[in-house]
Every structure is written in structure tokens, then in C-alpha cells.
Amino acid sequence: MGSVHALRRDTATLGEACDAFLLTLAGPEAAGTRRVYSGVMRALRAEFGDAADPAAIAPLLAMARHPEGRSCR
């Protein structure tokens, strides 16, 4: 009979993921977008902490969408 082994899963922390995302908004044309997302990221980090697993907050993303997957806006 075979054996089961856990797969190694390297994941980024919430703080690392936020920083990496904000780096993609580096150009001057993205200044407004970066400012808005920075506020959202700051709130997420304050609520969950920089060391949090981003997958742990995935249920919040699901609640922010309609059943059809559209944004609540």
C-alpha cells in the first residue's frame, strides 16, 4: 500500500502579497489606483495582520460578490 505525503506549499503572507500587488501599480498613470488600493490593503493588514495567510480571507471576497460572480457595485 502507498503512503500519503503532505506537499510543501510555499505561500506569501498577506503583507508580502499586498506589497507585491502595489508594486504592479508603479507608474504615474496608476497613482489614483495605487492610492485607493493602498487604503484597502492598509485596512486588510490592520484587520488580519501582515503574517496572515491570504487564503484565510478568501471567504470575505466571496461575500463581496453577487452569486453570479459580479461585483456588488
C-alpha atoms as a PDB file:
ATOM      1  CA  MET A   1       0.000   0.000   0.000  1.00  0.00           C
ATOM      2  CA  GLY A   2       1.232   3.509  -0.779  1.00  0.00           C
ATOM      3  CA  SER A   3       1.719   6.321   1.676  1.00  0.00           C
ATOM      4  CA  VAL A   4       0.422   9.864   1.738  1.00  0.00           C
ATOM      5  CA  HIS A   5       2.861  12.747   1.963  1.00  0.00           C
ATOM      6  CA  ALA A   6       1.985  16.368   2.523  1.00  0.00           C
ATOM      7  CA  LEU A   7       3.045  18.598  -0.327  1.00  0.00           C
ATOM      8  CA  ARG A   8       5.195  21.553   0.544  1.00  0.00           C
ATOM      9  CA  ARG A   9       3.251  24.718  -0.021  1.00  0.00           C
ATOM     10  CA  ASP A  10       5.193  27.965  -0.098  1.00  0.00           C
ATOM     11  CA  THR A  11       2.851  30.869   0.284  1.00  0.00           C
ATOM     12  CA  ALA A  12       3.260  34.572   0.691  1.00  0.00           C
ATOM     13  CA  THR A  13       1.949  36.339   3.743  1.00  0.00           C
ATOM     14  CA  LEU A  14      -0.764  38.956   3.429  1.00  0.00           C
ATOM     15  CA  GLY A  15       1.830  41.703   3.904  1.00  0.00           C
ATOM     16  CA  GLU A  16       4.044  40.292   1.144  1.00  0.00           C
ATOM     17  CA  ALA A  17       1.091  39.853  -1.202  1.00  0.00           C
ATOM     18  CA  CYS A  18      -0.072  43.430  -0.614  1.00  0.00           C
ATOM     19  CA  ASP A  19       3.413  44.815  -1.234  1.00  0.00           C
ATOM     20  CA  ALA A  20       3.844  42.748  -4.399  1.00  0.00           C
ATOM     21  CA  PHE A  21       0.470  43.869  -5.755  1.00  0.00           C
ATOM     22  CA  LEU A  22       1.143  47.540  -5.062  1.00  0.00           C
ATOM     23  CA  LEU A  23       4.473  47.263  -6.917  1.00  0.00           C
ATOM     24  CA  THR A  24       2.493  46.440 -10.073  1.00  0.00           C
ATOM     25  CA  LEU A  25       0.922  49.908  -9.824  1.00  0.00           C
ATOM     26  CA  ALA A  26       4.210  51.787 -10.026  1.00  0.00           C
ATOM     27  CA  GLY A  27       3.644  54.101 -12.997  1.00  0.00           C
ATOM     28  CA  PRO A  28       2.420  57.680 -12.694  1.00  0.00           C
ATOM     29  CA  GLU A  29      -0.717  56.756 -14.634  1.00  0.00           C
ATOM     30  CA  ALA A  30      -1.651  54.400 -11.803  1.00  0.00           C
ATOM     31  CA  ALA A  31      -1.264  56.930  -8.967  1.00  0.00           C
ATOM     32  CA  GLY A  32      -5.002  57.166  -8.243  1.00  0.00           C
ATOM     33  CA  THR A  33      -5.475  53.408  -8.404  1.00  0.00           C
ATOM     34  CA  ARG A  34      -2.443  52.865  -6.165  1.00  0.00           C
ATOM     35  CA  ARG A  35      -3.789  55.375  -3.625  1.00  0.00           C
ATOM     36  CA  VAL A  36      -7.179  53.648  -3.440  1.00  0.00           C
ATOM     37  CA  TYR A  37      -5.766  50.125  -3.260  1.00  0.00           C
ATOM     38  CA  SER A  38      -3.199  51.225  -0.678  1.00  0.00           C
ATOM     39  CA  GLY A  39      -6.074  52.189   1.612  1.00  0.00           C
ATOM     40  CA  VAL A  40      -7.791  48.847   1.089  1.00  0.00           C
ATOM     41  CA  MET A  41      -4.550  46.955   1.666  1.00  0.00           C
ATOM     42  CA  ARG A  42      -3.830  49.003   4.799  1.00  0.00           C
ATOM     43  CA  ALA A  43      -7.266  48.094   6.193  1.00  0.00           C
ATOM     44  CA  LEU A  44      -6.788  44.383   5.410  1.00  0.00           C
ATOM     45  CA  ARG A  45      -3.366  44.389   7.049  1.00  0.00           C
ATOM     46  CA  ALA A  46      -4.715  46.172  10.128  1.00  0.00           C
ATOM     47  CA  GLU A  47      -7.589  43.705  10.449  1.00  0.00           C
ATOM     48  CA  PHE A  48      -5.735  40.446   9.783  1.00  0.00           C
ATOM     49  CA  GLY A  49      -2.046  41.267  10.320  1.00  0.00           C
ATOM     50  CA  ASP A  50       0.870  41.111   7.926  1.00  0.00           C
ATOM     51  CA  ALA A  51       1.596  37.472   8.759  1.00  0.00           C
ATOM     52  CA  ALA A  52      -1.907  36.253   7.826  1.00  0.00           C
ATOM     53  CA  ASP A  53      -2.411  33.668   5.093  1.00  0.00           C
ATOM     54  CA  PRO A  54      -4.209  35.366   2.174  1.00  0.00           C
ATOM     55  CA  ALA A  55      -6.313  32.230   1.704  1.00  0.00           C
ATOM     56  CA  ALA A  56      -7.752  32.813   5.177  1.00  0.00           C
ATOM     57  CA  ILE A  57      -9.557  35.931   3.968  1.00  0.00           C
ATOM     58  CA  ALA A  58     -10.877  34.367   0.756  1.00  0.00           C
ATOM     59  CA  PRO A  59     -14.382  33.902   2.262  1.00  0.00           C
ATOM     60  CA  LEU A  60     -14.637  37.689   2.565  1.00  0.00           C
ATOM     61  CA  LEU A  61     -14.053  38.014  -1.155  1.00  0.00           C
ATOM     62  CA  ALA A  62     -16.851  35.572  -1.832  1.00  0.00           C
ATOM     63  CA  MET A  63     -19.247  37.587   0.347  1.00  0.00           C
ATOM     64  CA  ALA A  64     -18.389  40.760  -1.599  1.00  0.00           C
ATOM     65  CA  ARG A  65     -19.775  39.333  -4.841  1.00  0.00           C
ATOM     66  CA  HIS A  66     -23.201  38.509  -6.171  1.00  0.00           C
ATOM     67  CA  PRO A  67     -23.960  34.819  -6.732  1.00  0.00           C
ATOM     68  CA  GLU A  68     -23.235  35.334 -10.423  1.00  0.00           C
ATOM     69  CA  GLY A  69     -19.721  36.433  -9.561  1.00  0.00           C
ATOM     70  CA  ARG A  70     -20.301  40.112 -10.379  1.00  0.00           C
ATOM     71  CA  SER A  71     -19.093  42.898  -8.144  1.00  0.00           C
ATOM     72  CA  CYS A  72     -21.598  44.307  -5.633  1.00  0.00           C
ATOM     73  CA  ARG A  73     -21.217  47.774  -7.132  1.00  0.00           C
END
